[in-house]
Amino acid sequence: MTDVEVGSHAPFAIDENERAVFHGLLPDPEPRPVRYTVISVDDHLVEPPDMFEGRLPAQFQDRAPKVIELDNGNEAWEFDGQRYLQIGLNAVAGRPREDWNMSPTRFDEIRRGCWDIHERVRDMDINGVWASVNFPSQIAGFCGSVFARTRDPELGLAVLKAWNDWLFEEWYGPYPERIVPMAITWIADPEIGAAEIRRNAARGFVAVTLPEQPQRLGLPSLFSGYWEPIIAACADTDTVINLHVGSSGLFASPEDGPALELAATMFPLHSAQTAAEWVWSGVPVRYPDVKIALSEGGIGWVPMLLDRLDYMFQQSGYDRTVWSEPDLLPSDVLLRNFWFCTIDDPSTLPLRERIGIDHIMVESDYPHADSSWPDTQDYLHRRFKDLPVEDVRKMTHENAARLFRHPLPATTLP
């Protein structure tokens, strides 16, 4: 049995010797009518088999991650003595529903747009998505945690830098208007991690993905002071901190319960817990210009957390020494320093002003099971068609373009 990297580490184990029936990819869908200019702030790339070829220093190249074929025909990434299986649920775009499962899958069984940038842009065009923020997948973890655990730190850092170089040159480089450049960084040493953020910002990266609750990865928490160099580097370079659900593990569930279903259902509460920790850490107080984006947690929890933060702060007698700005409400920093994204939150959209209409963005989550691809335009239209145009424009593209400093097309919709 092999643990599956969903984000960073996960309580799911699958048998690498299992060989699931593959029913074939579905025919290409027709391009959808475009009603809205869309920047999706949460999508994923699947690292291609040749990602690390020729990208590491000579002394490390033969130890770089590589894709191997197992005896039963499955494929797996092999790195640092471990195997990382690609699972069907990691890349469901274009696959029939009966193949949406935890079984191992091969590269030739997933849609090429998952790992080929030219086909990815084609799939974005089918879906009516102008630009996309892309998180890592299996071999890196959602925040680069796999590389940080490498037994030889010099090898791990070389692989991490190669990942960033590939993304900038091969994924972002051919289509700079279509891809928002987001890096990973070295989380095993905050000074080295800060230097990597500055290196990437200098060449055009605008975002980095970090672990949402680092203590769950065995790293110091946000309250320890450990992360200060990395946070300072993000603030200094205007690098957006992206916190993706699952980047430090998934919601705990009973051993005999449906782990995947419960974990996915609890994404919003997971994001609420993450936001509360980042608020109470004081990070946005010490760095009032820092920008923090929460991915795949929806927006339904935000009004509840705003109310609860202020009630606790004003009513309850907790130690105020953890908060260095007595005239600044915790809800103020949640509204000022945090951005939120939605796939489908119909019950909460009427509260968009309370959440902050300038801080709500949209996502398609390509190619995961949560994804609205290829029908993101229809999903948005069902929810946004009766809203004021100025609100729709902000949520579909203006907020993301401003946050990530990303260009928009000459004509935007609606």
Protein backbone atom coordinates (compact mmCIF):
# COMPACT_ATOMS: atom_id res chain seq x y z
CA MET A 1 0.00 0.00 0.00
CA THR A 2 1.17 3.53 -0.79
CA ASP A 3 0.16 6.77 0.88
CA VAL A 4 -1.26 9.20 -1.66
CA GLU A 5 0.00 12.76 -1.78
CA VAL A 6 -3.16 14.88 -1.79
CA GLY A 7 -1.64 18.27 -1.22
CA SER A 8 1.05 17.23 1.21
CA HIS A 9 0.15 14.06 3.01
CA ALA A 10 -3.15 12.30 3.27
CA PRO A 11 -4.84 9.51 5.23
CA PHE A 12 -5.64 7.64 2.02
CA ALA A 13 -3.73 4.57 0.97
CA ILE A 14 -4.08 2.78 -2.34
CA ASP A 15 -2.59 -0.42 -3.63
CA GLU A 16 0.00 0.27 -6.31
CA ASN A 17 -0.62 -3.24 -7.62
CA GLU A 18 -4.27 -2.47 -8.32
CA ARG A 19 -4.96 -1.92 -12.00
CA ALA A 20 -8.32 -0.29 -12.58
CA VAL A 21 -10.32 -0.63 -15.77
CA PHE A 22 -9.86 2.45 -17.95
CA HIS A 23 -12.91 3.34 -20.01
CA GLY A 24 -11.19 5.84 -22.28
CA LEU A 25 -11.31 9.63 -22.40
CA LEU A 26 -14.50 11.37 -23.42
CA PRO A 27 -14.67 13.25 -26.73
CA ASP A 28 -13.59 16.89 -26.63
CA PRO A 29 -16.45 19.13 -25.53
CA GLU A 30 -17.51 22.04 -27.69
CA PRO A 31 -16.25 25.48 -26.59
CA ARG A 32 -18.76 27.10 -24.25
CA PRO A 33 -20.32 30.51 -24.95
CA VAL A 34 -18.44 33.20 -23.03
CA ARG A 35 -20.56 35.55 -20.93
CA TYR A 36 -17.89 36.50 -18.38
CA THR A 37 -14.17 37.22 -18.38
CA VAL A 38 -12.87 34.71 -15.83
CA ILE A 39 -9.65 34.45 -13.88
CA SER A 40 -9.69 31.13 -12.05
CA VAL A 41 -7.62 31.45 -8.89
CA ASP A 42 -7.50 27.73 -8.14
CA ASP A 43 -6.50 25.21 -10.79
CA HIS A 44 -3.80 22.54 -10.82
CA LEU A 45 -1.09 21.33 -13.12
CA VAL A 46 0.01 17.71 -13.23
CA GLU A 47 3.78 17.63 -13.40
CA PRO A 48 4.81 16.06 -16.74
CA PRO A 49 7.21 13.08 -16.83
CA ASP A 50 10.04 15.15 -18.33
CA MET A 51 9.69 18.07 -15.91
CA PHE A 52 13.10 17.65 -14.25
CA GLU A 53 15.16 16.44 -17.20
CA GLY A 54 18.33 18.51 -17.53
CA ARG A 55 17.24 20.99 -14.84
CA LEU A 56 19.32 19.92 -11.84
CA PRO A 57 23.04 20.35 -11.16
CA ALA A 58 25.04 17.41 -12.50
CA GLN A 59 25.60 15.87 -9.07
CA PHE A 60 21.85 15.62 -8.47
CA GLN A 61 20.41 14.92 -11.92
CA ASP A 62 20.36 11.10 -11.62
CA ARG A 63 18.47 11.45 -8.30
CA ALA A 64 15.78 13.74 -9.68
CA PRO A 65 12.13 12.62 -9.55
CA LYS A 66 11.28 10.35 -12.45
CA VAL A 67 8.24 8.46 -13.65
CA ILE A 68 8.60 4.68 -13.63
CA GLU A 69 6.35 1.94 -14.95
CA LEU A 70 5.34 -0.71 -12.45
CA ASP A 71 5.04 -4.40 -13.25
CA ASN A 72 1.25 -4.25 -13.66
CA GLY A 73 1.32 -1.27 -16.04
CA ASN A 74 0.71 1.47 -13.47
CA GLU A 75 2.97 4.51 -13.41
CA ALA A 76 4.41 6.27 -10.37
CA TRP A 77 6.80 9.08 -9.58
CA GLU A 78 9.90 7.75 -7.82
CA PHE A 79 11.93 10.10 -5.66
CA ASP A 80 14.06 9.87 -2.52
CA GLY A 81 13.19 6.23 -1.97
CA GLN A 82 9.43 6.83 -2.18
CA ARG A 83 6.77 6.26 -4.80
CA TYR A 84 3.99 8.74 -5.48
CA LEU A 85 1.03 7.40 -7.42
CA GLN A 86 -1.10 9.47 -9.71
CA ILE A 87 -4.73 8.79 -8.80
CA GLY A 88 -7.84 9.10 -10.92
CA LEU A 89 -9.42 11.78 -8.71
CA ASN A 90 -6.41 14.03 -9.19
CA ALA A 91 -7.22 14.58 -12.86
CA VAL A 92 -10.84 13.81 -13.71
CA ALA A 93 -11.28 16.37 -16.51
CA GLY A 94 -12.37 14.52 -19.61
CA ARG A 95 -12.71 11.16 -17.85
CA PRO A 96 -16.03 9.29 -17.58
CA ARG A 97 -17.62 9.28 -14.12
CA GLU A 98 -16.90 5.58 -13.59
CA ASP A 99 -13.19 6.47 -13.64
CA TRP A 100 -13.49 9.09 -10.88
CA ASN A 101 -11.86 6.97 -8.20
CA MET A 102 -8.78 6.52 -6.03
CA SER A 103 -7.20 3.93 -8.32
CA PRO A 104 -3.76 4.57 -9.84
CA THR A 105 -3.78 6.09 -13.30
CA ARG A 106 -1.30 6.62 -16.12
CA PHE A 107 -0.41 9.78 -18.00
CA ASP A 108 -2.00 8.41 -21.17
CA GLU A 109 -5.24 7.96 -19.20
CA ILE A 110 -5.62 11.60 -18.23
CA ARG A 111 -6.45 14.57 -20.41
CA ARG A 112 -3.34 16.07 -21.95
CA GLY A 113 -4.36 19.55 -20.79
CA CYS A 114 -3.49 18.43 -17.26
CA TRP A 115 0.24 18.53 -18.07
CA ASP A 116 0.75 20.03 -21.54
CA ILE A 117 0.57 23.84 -21.49
CA HIS A 118 -0.61 24.18 -25.07
CA GLU A 119 -3.46 21.75 -24.46
CA ARG A 120 -4.16 23.45 -21.11
CA VAL A 121 -4.74 26.79 -22.83
CA ARG A 122 -6.99 24.99 -25.30
CA ASP A 123 -9.00 23.57 -22.39
CA MET A 124 -9.17 27.04 -20.84
CA ASP A 125 -10.59 28.31 -24.13
CA ILE A 126 -13.19 25.52 -24.15
CA ASN A 127 -14.16 26.54 -20.62
CA GLY A 128 -14.12 30.29 -21.22
CA VAL A 129 -11.32 30.98 -18.68
CA TRP A 130 -9.01 33.89 -19.49
CA ALA A 131 -6.28 33.21 -16.91
CA SER A 132 -5.44 30.63 -14.28
CA VAL A 133 -3.50 30.20 -11.03
CA ASN A 134 -2.00 26.69 -10.94
CA PHE A 135 -1.10 24.70 -7.83
CA PRO A 136 1.28 21.72 -7.86
CA SER A 137 0.13 18.10 -7.71
CA GLN A 138 1.41 14.71 -6.57
CA ILE A 139 5.19 14.91 -6.73
CA ALA A 140 5.45 18.32 -5.05
CA GLY A 141 2.43 18.52 -2.75
CA PHE A 142 0.28 21.65 -2.85
CA CYS A 143 3.02 23.65 -1.07
CA GLY A 144 6.24 21.85 -1.96
CA SER A 145 6.14 19.74 1.19
CA VAL A 146 7.42 16.60 -0.57
CA PHE A 147 10.68 18.31 -1.50
CA ALA A 148 11.07 19.79 2.00
CA ARG A 149 11.06 16.25 3.43
CA THR A 150 13.90 15.05 1.19
CA ARG A 151 16.57 13.25 3.21
CA ASP A 152 19.31 15.25 1.47
CA PRO A 153 18.24 18.89 1.80
CA GLU A 154 20.58 20.01 -0.99
CA LEU A 155 18.86 17.59 -3.37
CA GLY A 156 15.41 18.71 -2.20
CA LEU A 157 16.24 22.37 -2.71
CA ALA A 158 17.69 21.68 -6.17
CA VAL A 159 14.51 19.85 -7.17
CA LEU A 160 12.32 22.64 -5.78
CA LYS A 161 14.23 25.27 -7.75
CA ALA A 162 13.96 23.11 -10.86
CA TRP A 163 10.18 22.94 -10.34
CA ASN A 164 9.99 26.74 -10.19
CA ASP A 165 12.28 27.14 -13.20
CA TRP A 166 10.15 24.74 -15.25
CA LEU A 167 6.93 26.51 -14.29
CA PHE A 168 8.32 29.91 -15.23
CA GLU A 169 9.95 28.83 -18.49
CA GLU A 170 7.66 26.08 -19.79
CA TRP A 171 4.24 26.71 -18.22
CA TYR A 172 4.03 30.48 -17.78
CA GLY A 173 6.56 31.56 -20.42
CA PRO A 174 4.66 30.53 -23.58
CA TYR A 175 1.41 32.18 -22.42
CA PRO A 176 2.17 34.96 -19.92
CA GLU A 177 -1.28 36.51 -20.30
CA ARG A 178 -3.02 33.22 -19.56
CA ILE A 179 -1.04 31.86 -16.59
CA VAL A 180 -0.54 33.61 -13.24
CA PRO A 181 3.01 32.66 -12.12
CA MET A 182 2.92 31.07 -8.66
CA ALA A 183 5.95 29.41 -7.05
CA ILE A 184 6.65 26.97 -4.27
CA THR A 185 9.36 27.70 -1.73
CA TRP A 186 11.65 25.93 0.71
CA ILE A 187 9.68 25.52 3.93
CA ALA A 188 12.35 23.50 5.77
CA ASP A 189 14.47 26.63 6.37
CA PRO A 190 12.71 30.03 6.41
CA GLU A 191 15.81 32.03 5.45
CA ILE A 192 16.37 29.88 2.36
CA GLY A 193 12.64 29.98 1.68
CA ALA A 194 12.66 33.77 1.83
CA ALA A 195 15.60 33.93 -0.57
CA GLU A 196 13.73 31.72 -3.05
CA ILE A 197 10.68 33.99 -2.85
CA ARG A 198 12.86 37.00 -3.60
CA ARG A 199 14.61 35.18 -6.46
CA ASN A 200 11.28 34.34 -8.04
CA ALA A 201 9.71 37.77 -7.46
CA ALA A 202 12.67 39.39 -9.21
CA ARG A 203 11.88 37.49 -12.43
CA GLY A 204 8.13 37.97 -12.35
CA PHE A 205 6.45 35.51 -9.98
CA VAL A 206 3.54 37.18 -8.17
CA ALA A 207 2.46 34.44 -5.75
CA VAL A 208 3.69 31.56 -3.61
CA THR A 209 1.82 28.63 -2.10
CA LEU A 210 2.49 27.96 1.60
CA PRO A 211 1.14 25.36 4.06
CA GLU A 212 -2.09 26.59 5.61
CA GLN A 213 -1.47 25.00 9.04
CA PRO A 214 2.25 24.19 9.08
CA GLN A 215 2.23 22.47 12.48
CA ARG A 216 0.28 19.63 10.87
CA LEU A 217 3.33 18.94 8.70
CA GLY A 218 5.58 18.77 11.76
CA LEU A 219 6.83 22.32 11.20
CA PRO A 220 6.66 25.20 13.71
CA SER A 221 3.29 26.95 13.85
CA LEU A 222 2.51 30.48 12.76
CA PHE A 223 2.78 31.55 16.40
CA SER A 224 6.41 30.45 16.78
CA GLY A 225 8.17 33.21 14.85
CA TYR A 226 9.69 30.60 12.51
CA TRP A 227 7.85 31.94 9.44
CA GLU A 228 8.84 35.58 9.87
CA PRO A 229 11.52 35.67 7.11
CA ILE A 230 9.14 34.11 4.59
CA ILE A 231 6.26 36.43 5.51
CA ALA A 232 8.58 39.45 5.34
CA ALA A 233 9.80 38.40 1.89
CA CYS A 234 6.21 38.12 0.67
CA ALA A 235 5.31 41.53 2.09
CA ASP A 236 8.45 43.17 0.69
CA THR A 237 7.95 41.79 -2.83
CA ASP A 238 4.13 42.04 -2.95
CA THR A 239 3.99 38.25 -3.35
CA VAL A 240 0.53 36.86 -2.65
CA ILE A 241 0.44 34.05 -0.08
CA ASN A 242 -1.84 31.27 -1.32
CA LEU A 243 -3.23 28.77 1.19
CA HIS A 244 -4.85 25.74 -0.45
CA VAL A 245 -7.13 23.35 1.42
CA GLY A 246 -5.21 20.12 1.97
CA SER A 247 -1.76 21.68 1.76
CA SER A 248 -1.07 20.52 5.31
CA GLY A 249 -3.33 17.48 5.35
CA LEU A 250 -7.06 16.97 5.34
CA PHE A 251 -9.79 17.08 7.95
CA ALA A 252 -9.60 14.19 10.43
CA SER A 253 -12.34 11.59 10.11
CA PRO A 254 -13.24 8.36 11.91
CA GLU A 255 -11.18 5.39 10.83
CA ASP A 256 -14.28 3.55 9.67
CA GLY A 257 -15.85 6.59 8.01
CA PRO A 258 -15.80 7.70 4.37
CA ALA A 259 -12.57 9.70 4.67
CA LEU A 260 -12.58 11.30 1.24
CA GLU A 261 -16.22 12.34 1.35
CA LEU A 262 -15.94 13.78 4.86
CA ALA A 263 -12.69 15.61 4.10
CA ALA A 264 -14.10 17.23 0.95
CA THR A 265 -17.34 18.18 2.72
CA MET A 266 -15.37 19.91 5.45
CA PHE A 267 -13.24 22.08 3.14
CA PRO A 268 -15.07 25.27 4.19
CA LEU A 269 -14.57 24.61 7.90
CA HIS A 270 -10.95 23.76 7.24
CA SER A 271 -10.54 27.17 5.60
CA ALA A 272 -12.27 28.86 8.53
CA GLN A 273 -9.81 27.27 10.94
CA THR A 274 -6.89 28.29 8.72
CA ALA A 275 -8.11 31.90 8.52
CA ALA A 276 -8.58 32.06 12.29
CA GLU A 277 -5.02 30.86 12.88
CA TRP A 278 -3.58 33.36 10.42
CA VAL A 279 -5.62 36.20 11.93
CA TRP A 280 -4.66 35.39 15.53
CA SER A 281 -1.02 34.83 14.55
CA GLY A 282 -0.76 38.60 14.13
CA VAL A 283 0.82 38.24 10.69
CA PRO A 284 -1.57 40.74 9.06
CA VAL A 285 -1.07 43.15 11.97
CA ARG A 286 2.72 43.08 11.75
CA TYR A 287 2.55 43.24 7.95
CA PRO A 288 -0.50 45.37 7.12
CA ASP A 289 0.14 45.10 3.36
CA VAL A 290 0.48 41.31 3.24
CA LYS A 291 -2.00 39.57 0.92
CA ILE A 292 -3.41 36.12 1.76
CA ALA A 293 -5.65 34.13 -0.61
CA LEU A 294 -7.57 31.06 0.56
CA SER A 295 -8.24 28.43 -2.09
CA GLU A 296 -11.07 25.89 -2.47
CA GLY A 297 -12.76 26.70 0.83
CA GLY A 298 -15.68 28.69 -0.55
CA ILE A 299 -17.10 31.81 1.08
CA GLY A 300 -19.94 30.43 3.21
CA TRP A 301 -17.91 30.44 6.42
CA VAL A 302 -16.64 34.02 6.14
CA PRO A 303 -19.64 35.90 7.65
CA MET A 304 -19.74 33.47 10.56
CA LEU A 305 -16.06 33.95 11.30
CA LEU A 306 -16.32 37.73 11.04
CA ASP A 307 -19.09 37.75 13.63
CA ARG A 308 -17.35 35.32 15.94
CA LEU A 309 -14.00 37.14 15.83
CA ASP A 310 -15.55 40.44 16.86
CA TYR A 311 -17.78 38.94 19.54
CA MET A 312 -14.83 37.19 21.16
CA PHE A 313 -12.64 40.26 20.93
CA GLN A 314 -15.20 42.64 22.42
CA GLN A 315 -17.14 40.40 24.80
CA SER A 316 -14.82 37.72 26.11
CA GLY A 317 -11.96 38.30 28.48
CA TYR A 318 -9.16 36.62 26.61
CA ASP A 319 -5.57 37.74 26.97
CA ARG A 320 -5.15 40.77 24.69
CA THR A 321 -1.36 40.43 24.65
CA VAL A 322 -1.72 38.21 21.55
CA TRP A 323 -3.11 41.22 19.68
CA SER A 324 -0.82 44.24 19.36
CA GLU A 325 -3.41 46.66 17.91
CA PRO A 326 -6.25 47.18 20.42
CA ASP A 327 -8.12 49.58 18.10
CA LEU A 328 -8.00 47.16 15.16
CA LEU A 329 -10.69 44.49 15.19
CA PRO A 330 -9.75 40.97 14.08
CA SER A 331 -12.54 41.20 11.52
CA ASP A 332 -10.82 44.30 10.10
CA VAL A 333 -7.74 42.29 9.12
CA LEU A 334 -9.84 39.44 7.72
CA LEU A 335 -11.58 41.96 5.48
CA ARG A 336 -8.38 43.84 4.63
CA ASN A 337 -5.71 41.17 4.15
CA PHE A 338 -7.59 38.07 3.02
CA TRP A 339 -9.16 37.07 -0.31
CA PHE A 340 -11.65 34.23 -0.78
CA CYS A 341 -12.73 32.13 -3.76
CA THR A 342 -15.96 30.42 -4.72
CA ILE A 343 -17.03 27.63 -7.02
CA ASP A 344 -20.66 27.46 -5.95
CA ASP A 345 -21.96 29.22 -2.82
CA PRO A 346 -25.57 30.17 -3.61
CA SER A 347 -26.67 30.67 0.01
CA THR A 348 -23.88 33.12 0.76
CA LEU A 349 -23.80 35.32 -2.33
CA PRO A 350 -26.45 37.67 -0.83
CA LEU A 351 -23.87 38.41 1.90
CA ARG A 352 -21.15 39.40 -0.56
CA GLU A 353 -20.98 42.97 0.78
CA ARG A 354 -20.41 41.67 4.30
CA ILE A 355 -17.65 39.37 3.03
CA GLY A 356 -16.14 42.17 0.96
CA ILE A 357 -17.14 42.42 -2.66
CA ASP A 358 -13.58 43.47 -3.53
CA HIS A 359 -12.16 40.26 -2.01
CA ILE A 360 -14.25 37.49 -3.61
CA MET A 361 -12.82 35.62 -6.60
CA VAL A 362 -13.85 32.54 -8.58
CA GLU A 363 -12.21 29.21 -9.36
CA SER A 364 -12.74 26.29 -11.71
CA ASP A 365 -10.43 23.77 -9.92
CA TYR A 366 -9.38 22.11 -13.18
CA PRO A 367 -8.80 19.11 -13.36
CA HIS A 368 -10.04 17.95 -9.93
CA ALA A 369 -13.36 16.38 -8.98
CA ASP A 370 -14.65 19.70 -7.62
CA SER A 371 -14.07 21.29 -11.01
CA SER A 372 -16.77 23.07 -13.00
CA TRP A 373 -14.84 22.41 -16.27
CA PRO A 374 -15.98 22.57 -19.04
CA ASP A 375 -19.07 24.41 -17.80
CA THR A 376 -17.65 27.15 -15.58
CA GLN A 377 -19.46 29.80 -17.62
CA ASP A 378 -22.82 28.11 -16.97
CA TYR A 379 -22.06 27.63 -13.27
CA LEU A 380 -21.31 31.32 -12.94
CA HIS A 381 -24.33 32.38 -14.97
CA ARG A 382 -26.72 30.41 -12.76
CA ARG A 383 -25.44 32.25 -9.70
CA PHE A 384 -24.47 35.67 -11.08
CA LYS A 385 -27.07 36.44 -13.77
CA ASP A 386 -29.28 38.56 -11.49
CA LEU A 387 -26.47 40.36 -9.64
CA PRO A 388 -25.30 43.91 -10.41
CA VAL A 389 -22.84 43.98 -13.29
CA GLU A 390 -20.24 45.82 -11.25
CA ASP A 391 -20.30 43.05 -8.62
CA VAL A 392 -20.03 40.33 -11.25
CA ARG A 393 -17.07 42.01 -12.91
CA LYS A 394 -15.24 42.26 -9.60
CA MET A 395 -15.78 38.63 -8.66
CA THR A 396 -15.11 37.07 -12.04
CA HIS A 397 -11.93 38.92 -12.97
CA GLU A 398 -11.28 42.41 -11.61
CA ASN A 399 -10.43 41.39 -8.04
CA ALA A 400 -8.05 38.64 -9.19
CA ALA A 401 -6.40 40.87 -11.79
CA ARG A 402 -5.77 43.51 -9.13
CA LEU A 403 -4.54 41.05 -6.50
CA PHE A 404 -2.17 39.16 -8.79
CA ARG A 405 -1.27 42.20 -10.94
CA HIS A 406 -2.35 40.24 -13.99
CA PRO A 407 -3.28 41.69 -17.39
CA LEU A 408 -6.82 41.51 -18.72
CA PRO A 409 -7.90 41.27 -22.37
CA ALA A 410 -8.70 44.45 -24.25
CA THR A 411 -12.43 43.73 -23.93
CA THR A 412 -13.87 42.24 -20.74
CA LEU A 413 -17.32 40.79 -20.05
CA PRO A 414 -19.98 41.44 -18.94
